[in-house]
C-alpha cells in the first residue's frame, strides 16, 4: 500500500532535521502564497534545498515543474523525491560536492 504524501513529507523533514547543519520545514500551501511551490524548503550545509514530494505514482504538474525550474535557476538544490532514501542520495551527493 502506498504512503500518503503527507506521511512521506514528515519522514523527510524529520530525517533532514536530524542531520547536523540542516534545517527543513514543510511548505504548507495557503491562499496567500503562489501555487506550485515545493513541498519542503531546507538549508543543508549552507545550501538551499527545494523538494517536491510525490507518492510512488504521483506526477508533477506543469506549474510545479515551472516553479522548480525557477529555484534551480537561482542555484538551489532541487529534486522530486518519493522517499527518505531519495533524499539521502541527493544530500549525500551535495555534501561531497560542497
C-alpha atoms as a PDB file:
ATOM      1  CA  UNK A   1       0.000   0.000   0.000  1.00  0.00           C
ATOM      2  CA  UNK A   2       1.316   3.414  -0.988  1.00  0.00           C
ATOM      3  CA  UNK A   3       2.047   6.018   1.675  1.00  0.00           C
ATOM      4  CA  UNK A   4       0.254   9.359   1.664  1.00  0.00           C
ATOM      5  CA  UNK A   5       2.285  12.344   0.501  1.00  0.00           C
ATOM      6  CA  UNK A   6       1.945  13.988   3.927  1.00  0.00           C
ATOM      7  CA  UNK A   7       3.441  10.894   5.601  1.00  0.00           C
ATOM      8  CA  UNK A   8       6.409  10.925   3.215  1.00  0.00           C
ATOM      9  CA  UNK A   9       6.889  14.667   3.831  1.00  0.00           C
ATOM     10  CA  UNK A  10       7.005  14.187   7.603  1.00  0.00           C
ATOM     11  CA  UNK A  11       9.570  11.394   7.344  1.00  0.00           C
ATOM     12  CA  UNK A  12      11.758  13.513   5.053  1.00  0.00           C
ATOM     13  CA  UNK A  13      11.583  16.606   7.266  1.00  0.00           C
ATOM     14  CA  UNK A  14      12.344  14.524  10.359  1.00  0.00           C
ATOM     15  CA  UNK A  15      15.345  12.972   8.595  1.00  0.00           C
ATOM     16  CA  UNK A  16      16.757  16.299   7.375  1.00  0.00           C
ATOM     17  CA  UNK A  17      16.270  17.894  10.802  1.00  0.00           C
ATOM     18  CA  UNK A  18      18.205  15.003  12.368  1.00  0.00           C
ATOM     19  CA  UNK A  19      21.308  15.935  10.358  1.00  0.00           C
ATOM     20  CA  UNK A  20      23.837  18.341  11.886  1.00  0.00           C
ATOM     21  CA  UNK A  21      23.906  21.581   9.911  1.00  0.00           C
ATOM     22  CA  UNK A  22      20.466  21.078   8.347  1.00  0.00           C
ATOM     23  CA  UNK A  23      17.009  22.563   8.879  1.00  0.00           C
ATOM     24  CA  UNK A  24      13.820  21.719   6.960  1.00  0.00           C
ATOM     25  CA  UNK A  25      10.174  22.763   7.039  1.00  0.00           C
ATOM     26  CA  UNK A  26       7.053  21.696   5.177  1.00  0.00           C
ATOM     27  CA  UNK A  27       5.710  24.477   2.998  1.00  0.00           C
ATOM     28  CA  UNK A  28       2.003  24.364   3.789  1.00  0.00           C
ATOM     29  CA  UNK A  29       0.129  25.912   0.890  1.00  0.00           C
ATOM     30  CA  UNK A  30      -2.289  28.729   1.521  1.00  0.00           C
ATOM     31  CA  UNK A  31      -4.307  31.338  -0.347  1.00  0.00           C
ATOM     32  CA  UNK A  32      -1.602  33.942   0.437  1.00  0.00           C
ATOM     33  CA  UNK A  33       1.240  32.280  -1.434  1.00  0.00           C
ATOM     34  CA  UNK A  34       1.780  31.340  -5.032  1.00  0.00           C
ATOM     35  CA  UNK A  35       0.605  27.964  -6.261  1.00  0.00           C
ATOM     36  CA  UNK A  36       3.046  25.241  -7.243  1.00  0.00           C
ATOM     37  CA  UNK A  37       5.719  25.947  -4.667  1.00  0.00           C
ATOM     38  CA  UNK A  38       7.848  22.990  -3.475  1.00  0.00           C
ATOM     39  CA  UNK A  39       6.602  20.936  -0.521  1.00  0.00           C
ATOM     40  CA  UNK A  40       9.775  21.169   1.560  1.00  0.00           C
ATOM     41  CA  UNK A  41      12.251  24.004   1.984  1.00  0.00           C
ATOM     42  CA  UNK A  42      15.555  23.216   3.671  1.00  0.00           C
ATOM     43  CA  UNK A  43      19.047  24.511   4.197  1.00  0.00           C
ATOM     44  CA  UNK A  44      21.790  21.904   4.431  1.00  0.00           C
ATOM     45  CA  UNK A  45      25.397  22.858   4.964  1.00  0.00           C
ATOM     46  CA  UNK A  46      24.777  26.335   3.621  1.00  0.00           C
ATOM     47  CA  UNK A  47      22.864  25.237   0.505  1.00  0.00           C
ATOM     48  CA  UNK A  48      19.191  25.988  -0.074  1.00  0.00           C
ATOM     49  CA  UNK A  49      17.164  22.872  -0.927  1.00  0.00           C
ATOM     50  CA  UNK A  50      13.684  22.768  -2.512  1.00  0.00           C
ATOM     51  CA  UNK A  51      11.976  19.376  -2.610  1.00  0.00           C
ATOM     52  CA  UNK A  52       8.744  18.371  -4.286  1.00  0.00           C
ATOM     53  CA  UNK A  53       7.386  15.237  -2.628  1.00  0.00           C
ATOM     54  CA  UNK A  54       5.377  12.755  -4.662  1.00  0.00           C
ATOM     55  CA  UNK A  55       3.906   9.330  -3.973  1.00  0.00           C
ATOM     56  CA  UNK A  56       5.061   6.311  -5.983  1.00  0.00           C
ATOM     57  CA  UNK A  57       2.632   7.201  -8.773  1.00  0.00           C
ATOM     58  CA  UNK A  58       2.415  10.975  -8.323  1.00  0.00           C
ATOM     59  CA  UNK A  59       3.456  13.262 -11.163  1.00  0.00           C
ATOM     60  CA  UNK A  60       4.466  16.904 -11.332  1.00  0.00           C
ATOM     61  CA  UNK A  61       2.062  19.472 -12.698  1.00  0.00           C
ATOM     62  CA  UNK A  62       3.291  21.970 -15.283  1.00  0.00           C
ATOM     63  CA  UNK A  63       3.152  24.688 -12.638  1.00  0.00           C
ATOM     64  CA  UNK A  64       5.272  22.618 -10.220  1.00  0.00           C
ATOM     65  CA  UNK A  65       7.843  22.000 -12.976  1.00  0.00           C
ATOM     66  CA  UNK A  66       7.946  25.727 -13.679  1.00  0.00           C
ATOM     67  CA  UNK A  67       8.399  26.632 -10.005  1.00  0.00           C
ATOM     68  CA  UNK A  68      11.145  24.033  -9.500  1.00  0.00           C
ATOM     69  CA  UNK A  69      12.993  25.320 -12.556  1.00  0.00           C
ATOM     70  CA  UNK A  70      12.956  28.873 -11.129  1.00  0.00           C
ATOM     71  CA  UNK A  71      14.512  27.617  -7.874  1.00  0.00           C
ATOM     72  CA  UNK A  72      17.104  25.608  -9.826  1.00  0.00           C
ATOM     73  CA  UNK A  73      17.974  28.642 -11.969  1.00  0.00           C
ATOM     74  CA  UNK A  74      18.597  30.540  -8.725  1.00  0.00           C
ATOM     75  CA  UNK A  75      21.190  27.975  -7.604  1.00  0.00           C
ATOM     76  CA  UNK A  76      19.073  25.888  -5.228  1.00  0.00           C
ATOM     77  CA  UNK A  77      19.428  22.134  -4.934  1.00  0.00           C
ATOM     78  CA  UNK A  78      16.125  20.958  -6.419  1.00  0.00           C
ATOM     79  CA  UNK A  79      14.613  17.485  -6.631  1.00  0.00           C
ATOM     80  CA  UNK A  80      11.450  15.460  -6.874  1.00  0.00           C
ATOM     81  CA  UNK A  81      11.589  12.857  -4.117  1.00  0.00           C
ATOM     82  CA  UNK A  82       9.444   9.886  -3.182  1.00  0.00           C
ATOM     83  CA  UNK A  83      11.235   8.649  -0.059  1.00  0.00           C
ATOM     84  CA  UNK A  84      13.852   9.374   2.571  1.00  0.00           C
ATOM     85  CA  UNK A  85      16.205   7.177   0.516  1.00  0.00           C
ATOM     86  CA  UNK A  86      15.880   9.614  -2.405  1.00  0.00           C
ATOM     87  CA  UNK A  87      16.787  12.484  -0.094  1.00  0.00           C
ATOM     88  CA  UNK A  88      19.780  10.579   1.310  1.00  0.00           C
ATOM     89  CA  UNK A  89      21.132  10.173  -2.230  1.00  0.00           C
ATOM     90  CA  UNK A  90      20.643  13.836  -3.090  1.00  0.00           C
ATOM     91  CA  UNK A  91      22.086  15.204   0.145  1.00  0.00           C
ATOM     92  CA  UNK A  92      24.928  12.680   0.147  1.00  0.00           C
ATOM     93  CA  UNK A  93      25.967  13.904  -3.303  1.00  0.00           C
ATOM     94  CA  UNK A  94      25.553  17.521  -2.240  1.00  0.00           C
ATOM     95  CA  UNK A  95      27.691  17.095   0.891  1.00  0.00           C
ATOM     96  CA  UNK A  96      30.581  15.624  -1.130  1.00  0.00           C
ATOM     97  CA  UNK A  97      30.281  18.431  -3.722  1.00  0.00           C
ATOM     98  CA  UNK A  98      30.292  21.243  -1.150  1.00  0.00           C
END
